[in-house]
Structure formats: C-alpha cells, structure tokens
Amino acid sequence: MDNVKHRNVDVTVVQDESGTALAWNGEDYVAAETAAAADIGKPVDKEEEKARDSDQYLESDDSTIHQIGRENSDGLSSDGEQTKKGASVNLKRNVGLFSGVSLIVGTMIGSGIFVSPTGLLERTGSVGMSLCVWTACGFVSMLGALSYAELGTMITSSGAEYAYFMEAFGPFFAYMFSWVSTIIIKPSQLAIICMSFAEYAVEAFTNECDPDPIIVQVAAASTVAVVTFINCWSVELATSVQNVFCSCKLVAVAIIIGGGVYKLAEGSYEHVAKGFEGTTTNIAHIATAFYSGLWAYDGWNNLNYVTEEIVNPSVNLPLSIGIAIPLVTICYLAVNISYLTVMSPSEMLVSDAVAVTFGNRILGPMAWLMPLSVAVSTFGSANGTIFAAGRLCYVASREGHLVDVLSFVHVKKLTPAPALLFHAFVALAMVLSGDIEGLIDFFSFTVWIFYGMSMLALIVLRYKCPNMNRPYKVPIVIPAIVLLISIYLVIAPIIDNPQIEYMYSISFMILGAILYLPFVHYGYVFTFMDKLTSFLQLILQIAPPCGIADDEYSGL
C-alpha cells in the first residue's frame, strides 16, 4: 500500500487484481488518477486554483527586488524562453547593444555640451583648466559607470540605485532614493533638458531679438508632453526614437568638430594656446565647475534603470558603457576646442547659446542648422531621460515604497504609463517655475549624494554578499575613489557658497524620512485611494502587473 501526497493530504492507494491503482474517493475505490484530481473527494474548483496561483504570485511579488537580485529578473528561463507563470513578465527585453549605447550616448549628449561650457569656463577661470575639468568629468563618469556595471550585472532588477540600496542597506534607504528621485532628481533633469530644447528650437526661428520667455515655456511643456506620449505608447517606439535622435545628435556634434578642425587648419588656435592663464585657486569653484561638467556627462547610469529590458545584460550592460562613455568624452573635448577656435573665452562667457554663436560664425547662411541640430539632440536626451525615470518609479512602487498605482502597466501597450505620467507632471511644474542654472545646481547637488551611496553600496555588498554572482567585477579601489569624489562635490559647494537650492533638496529629504514611518513602515493608506486607483484604472486602461493574462501578453 502506497501513500500519495496531494495538497498536503495522504491518499491511500491500493491495486486491484489487474494491477490498476485504486484510491478511496470518500464513497468507493476509483482509479488513482481520478482520486488525484480530487481534494478529499471534492472536485477541484478551477477558479479557486487560479485564485490560489494568483495569491502565490502576489505573495512572491512582495520581495521582487531580493528575488530578482538572485534569479532571472524578468521571469525568463535560462534559455530565454518566456515562462508561463501567470503574468510574472511585464516588460519585454527590447534593448540590445546598439540601443544600449544609444540610450547612454543619447542621454549624455543632450543640452549639457551646448549650455555648460559657459558656466564651466567661468568657474575654472582658464581654457586649460576647463579642458582638464572636462576630461576629469569623463574619467569620473567612466569610473562610476564601471562600478554601476558590476552592480547592474549582479543585481539585475530595473531601478538602478533603488535596487542596489534595497540589497545593501535595506528598505529605508531604497525608499529615500525613490522619494528624492521621483520628486527632485529625474523631474528636474527632464525639465532642464526640455527647457534647453525649447530655447534652441525657438532660437532657430528668431533672428534679431531674444525669444519670448512664455513661448519658450510653452515649447518646453509641449516637449514634456510629446516624449511622455511616445514612451507611454510603446517601448519599441521609444527605443526607435532614441536610436534615430542619437544618430542625429552625433551629426550635430560632427558639424561642430568639423568646423573646429577647419579653423585649426587655418591657424586659429590663439585662444586654445592661452592655457592655464587666469586659473582659479578656489577649490569650491572647481567643485561647482564639476557640477557643470558632470551635468553634461550625466546619463552614464541610465541603462541600469532598464536592466530588466536589456537583452543579455551581463554582456551588453558593461559593453555599452565601455563604448559609450569614451566616445562621449572624446566628443566633448573636441567640441570645446572647436568653440575656442571661433570664440574667445570672454565671448563664450557672454553667450547664452554657445553652439548657436559658433554656428553663426562658421556656417554663414546655413547657421540655422545649428540651433535645429541642438534641438534634435536635446529632444533625444529628453526621451531617454523619461524612459529611464519611469522604470525607477515603476520598481519602487512595485515594492510598496510609492503609491501602488504607479506600478501599474497599460494592459495593451505594456508600458509603465502611470509612472511616466507622474514624472511628466512634476517636470511640468519645474518648467513653469524654474531656471536652467538653478535647476542644474539643484539636480547636481542631490544626485551626487546618491551616486556616493551607490559606491558605498558596492563596497558593502563585497563584504555582505561575497558569493553573489558577479559576471563583471571592478577593482574595489574604483568605487572608493568615486565615493571620495562625491563627498567632495557635496560638501565643498555648501561650505563655499550655500544656496537655497541645497536647502530645498535637504528639506525634501527630511520630509521623505518623516513620511516613511506612517505610509511605508506601517502601511497607512488613505480611504479614498481605492476609489482613485479604480478610477485611474478605467481612465488609463492600466492594471497591476499580475493582472495581465499570459495570452494577452504573448499576443502583444
């Protein structure tokens, strides 16, 4: 007599004269297969079975980050086949090597190289020091990105810093990052880029007078709306736009570099030859100069926000970083030297649009191409920025650190539409109330706090989880160097010249820490949230990730 386990119940099995296995179903002995389909003699309820499976998925989803850090993050089997586990797969892997390089280059080469040269030159005081800072910013970005490559291939969840803090420090620090990023970092980054796009786009259609600020604001707000629509509509469309606009911005950079090479061939290098004449001796001014330069390089970590959507991330993530950042560094140095072949440092300091001034002096009647090219460049950067920002909000909400509706997915498009729309809303508020220089300092001060924490997270995980799978590993000295640099970049400007933007950032952090206890730790939810969530589900056609059926997903 054998005992067969079924739903934690022992079923007694016997054999008849012919050797057929029989089991007691509560009334009589029947074939064992029939008994196995019963729960103590009761027929299986298919709806109950589905509900139970769904409950099991919901329970497992509460620890998504920790599971994803050790398993395949997107529910794919080892051979890349889609598993059939309800709706555990929500975002497809569409980002290959070319798209990964395009995302990094497309977000790094945005408005910074066309806006930042003026502020950086002013703060360093000399041509030679400004070029050194540009090079150093590229080096720092490369060191940071290499550290992120290890983190991204070790913890393969989307969300970048959020996932790393969750693993290294626990939920409070992960929540703090998601709060500050959602309210400050990503929206301000998007706002700066869209405002730069608007200024250059409007500049292309004005000749002798400055563009109306209201028109610039309307254009910036419209840009936020357009890139949000693209990313809500389709991941494939967003990545295609990124690829196309990345190529276009490289053409714009090539025009500037080509013009610079032509002027150098004519012997126009007297401004470059001034070297370190007039270099500042104030180390805090150098720190704020790094703010301008590192703003132009920012975006080196954006690919880590979409790790769950990268094809073969253990290979393509570090490879994309290794290709993109050196390419951007070379372009930035060449562009700055090109500027100096047609403008003196003093002329650059009084120019609000360095690239436009360059185009007016070297392109003649085709000068309108420069502001248009810059506008194309910044549009692509805006698209890449909101693409990455939506994934952070999606992952943080999935973990319960933001309101649940922000983790919902469009039932047909499979895009994190609520997260994208929320970022767009906050960015619009910044567009209508902020100025570019103030937002850059606001952004840079805040973001380098968390870049430093990411380096610390990598060091902590080396000792806390030494046996975690690390397809790519950097020397421990690299994150240590970036950590020290980040501490300097945060402290030096506060000591030298405290600004209201720094107080805003600190105040938002304190507010987030206060809100953590009732709304995250104790899980308090306002009574109206259920009705609001249901309303948004109907209006936006969104559903929780586990609410999308397999057949729906596979047919998209």
Foldseek 3Di string as FASTA:
>chain_A
DDWDDAPNDTWDWDADPVRFIWTDLPPDTDGVVVSSCADSNHHDDPVVVVVVLLVVVLVVLLPLQVVQLFDPNQCADPVRHHDARQLSHQAAQDQEQLLLLLLQLLQLQACLLFFLPQLLCVLFFALQVSLVLLLVLLVLLLLLLLLQLQVCLNRVAAQRLLSLCCVQPNNLVSLLVLLLCLQAALLLLLLLLLLSLLQLVVVLVDDDDHDDLVSSLVSSLVLLVVLLVQQQQAPVSLSVLSSVLSVLLVVLLVVLLVLLVVLVVVVQQPQVVVHSPRTDPQVLSSLVSNLSSNSSSPSLNLSSNPSSNHDPSLPSSVVSSVPNSVVVSVSSSSNSSSLSSQDHSVRSNPDSGSQLVSLVRRVPPCSSVNSVSSSSSSSSSSSSSLNSQLSNQLSCLSNQSDPVLQVWAAQQRSGSSSSSVSSSVSSSVCSVPHDNVLSSVLNSLQVLVSSLVSLVSSVSCCVVPVPRDRSRDDPNVSSVVSNVSSVCSNPSNCVPPNDVSVVVSVVSSVVSSVVCVVCPVVNDDDPCVVVVSVVCCVVRVIDRSSVHGPVSVVVD
